[in-house]
Protein backbone atom coordinates (compact mmCIF):
# COMPACT_ATOMS: atom_id res chain seq x y z
CA MET A 1 78.65 44.53 87.40
CA VAL A 2 75.60 46.79 87.52
CA THR A 3 74.36 47.44 91.05
CA GLU A 4 70.93 48.25 92.44
CA GLU A 5 72.36 51.48 93.85
CA GLN A 6 73.49 52.59 90.36
CA VAL A 7 70.05 51.93 88.90
CA LEU A 8 68.22 53.66 91.77
CA ASP A 9 70.56 56.65 91.50
CA VAL A 10 69.82 57.08 87.80
CA LEU A 11 66.08 56.60 88.42
CA ARG A 12 66.22 59.56 90.79
CA THR A 13 66.68 61.66 87.64
CA VAL A 14 63.28 60.54 86.28
CA TYR A 15 60.34 62.67 87.38
CA ASP A 16 56.59 62.48 87.00
CA PRO A 17 56.09 65.76 85.08
CA GLU A 18 53.00 66.55 87.14
CA ILE A 19 54.66 66.02 90.53
CA PRO A 20 58.09 67.47 91.40
CA ILE A 21 59.34 64.21 92.93
CA ASN A 22 61.47 61.53 91.26
CA VAL A 23 60.00 58.07 90.62
CA VAL A 24 62.04 56.43 93.41
CA ASP A 25 61.05 58.88 96.17
CA LEU A 26 57.50 59.02 94.81
CA GLY A 27 57.28 55.28 95.55
CA LEU A 28 56.59 54.23 91.96
CA ILE A 29 59.36 51.60 91.83
CA TYR A 30 58.01 48.33 93.25
CA GLY A 31 60.77 45.94 92.26
CA LEU A 32 64.19 45.81 90.66
CA GLU A 33 66.15 42.79 89.44
CA ILE A 34 69.58 42.75 87.85
CA THR A 35 71.06 39.64 86.26
CA GLU A 36 74.75 38.79 86.33
CA GLY A 37 74.85 39.78 82.66
CA GLY A 38 73.54 43.27 83.44
CA ASP A 39 69.96 42.86 82.25
CA VAL A 40 67.62 45.01 84.34
CA SER A 41 63.94 44.37 85.07
CA VAL A 42 61.85 46.95 86.89
CA ARG A 43 58.34 46.67 88.27
CA MET A 44 56.78 50.07 88.60
CA THR A 45 53.42 51.75 88.88
CA MET A 46 51.87 55.13 88.20
CA THR A 47 50.04 57.39 90.61
CA THR A 48 46.84 56.37 88.80
CA PRO A 49 46.11 53.75 86.13
CA GLN A 50 44.75 56.58 83.97
CA CYS A 51 47.99 58.59 84.18
CA PRO A 52 48.12 60.53 80.89
CA LEU A 53 51.93 60.58 81.02
CA GLY A 54 52.41 56.91 81.88
CA SER A 55 54.05 55.94 78.59
CA TYR A 56 56.37 58.96 78.82
CA ILE A 57 57.46 57.98 82.36
CA VAL A 58 58.04 54.34 81.38
CA GLU A 59 60.11 55.43 78.37
CA ALA A 60 62.13 57.89 80.50
CA THR A 61 62.73 55.09 83.02
CA GLU A 62 63.99 52.73 80.31
CA GLN A 63 66.25 55.39 78.78
CA ALA A 64 67.72 56.34 82.15
CA ILE A 65 68.58 52.72 82.96
CA ARG A 66 70.13 52.18 79.53
CA GLY A 67 72.52 55.02 80.37
CA VAL A 68 74.15 53.01 83.17
CA ALA A 69 77.45 51.46 82.09
CA GLY A 70 77.21 47.67 81.80
CA VAL A 71 73.43 47.47 81.41
CA GLY A 72 72.20 44.96 78.84
CA ALA A 73 68.52 44.51 78.14
CA VAL A 74 66.00 46.67 80.02
CA HIS A 75 62.46 45.59 80.78
CA VAL A 76 59.96 47.80 82.59
CA GLU A 77 56.72 46.16 83.72
CA LEU A 78 53.87 48.47 84.60
CA VAL A 79 51.77 47.10 87.47
CA PHE A 80 48.88 48.46 89.50
CA ASP A 81 48.76 46.01 92.38
CA PRO A 82 49.12 47.18 95.01
CA PRO A 83 47.62 50.49 93.98
CA TRP A 84 49.82 53.51 94.61
CA ASP A 85 48.78 55.96 97.32
CA VAL A 86 50.32 59.07 98.85
CA SER A 87 51.69 57.17 101.84
CA MET A 88 54.29 55.70 99.47
CA ILE A 89 55.98 59.08 98.98
CA LYS A 90 59.18 59.43 100.97
CA GLU A 91 58.45 61.97 103.71
CA GLU A 92 61.51 64.13 103.03
CA ALA A 93 60.71 64.29 99.29
CA ALA A 94 57.12 65.32 100.00
CA ARG A 95 58.30 68.01 102.38
CA GLU A 96 60.82 69.36 99.85
CA ALA A 97 58.11 69.44 97.17
CA GLY A 98 55.76 71.32 99.50
CA ILE A 99 53.29 68.44 99.65
CA ILE A 100 51.44 68.07 102.94
CA LEU A 101 50.54 64.48 103.66
CA ASP A 102 47.38 63.80 105.62
CA THR A 103 48.45 60.23 106.20
CA PRO A 104 51.83 59.28 107.60
CA THR A 105 54.28 57.87 105.10
CA ALA A 106 55.07 54.23 105.51
CA GLU A 107 58.74 53.46 105.87
CA GLY A 108 57.75 49.86 105.21
CA ASP A 109 56.06 50.78 101.93
CA ASN A 110 56.09 48.75 98.74
CA SER A 111 58.88 50.69 97.09
CA VAL A 112 62.27 49.16 96.41
CA GLU A 113 64.15 51.55 98.63
CA LYS A 114 63.32 51.50 102.31
């Protein structure tokens, strides 16, 4: 059976090309559901609704998930509520990327992984 951990691990290989942080640690993954049959649904956002690379990131997300053994259908839903903001970036990832956050990161953010 496909696990949430497997999907999150593979999503850590997907990066926003403009920001050197993967989509999980960037806080772009809002929800993740896996059926008993291995179908995976992801709710995710972009750093801005006008993200010029949004379709590329969604496609990379879908392809990464399809690479997990046992995955059936993959559905990625792009949402913008709540709007993404920098406080959703995992603090350690921001530090490693050299990003200085003016606002504290929220450990209780909207991302899947707390």
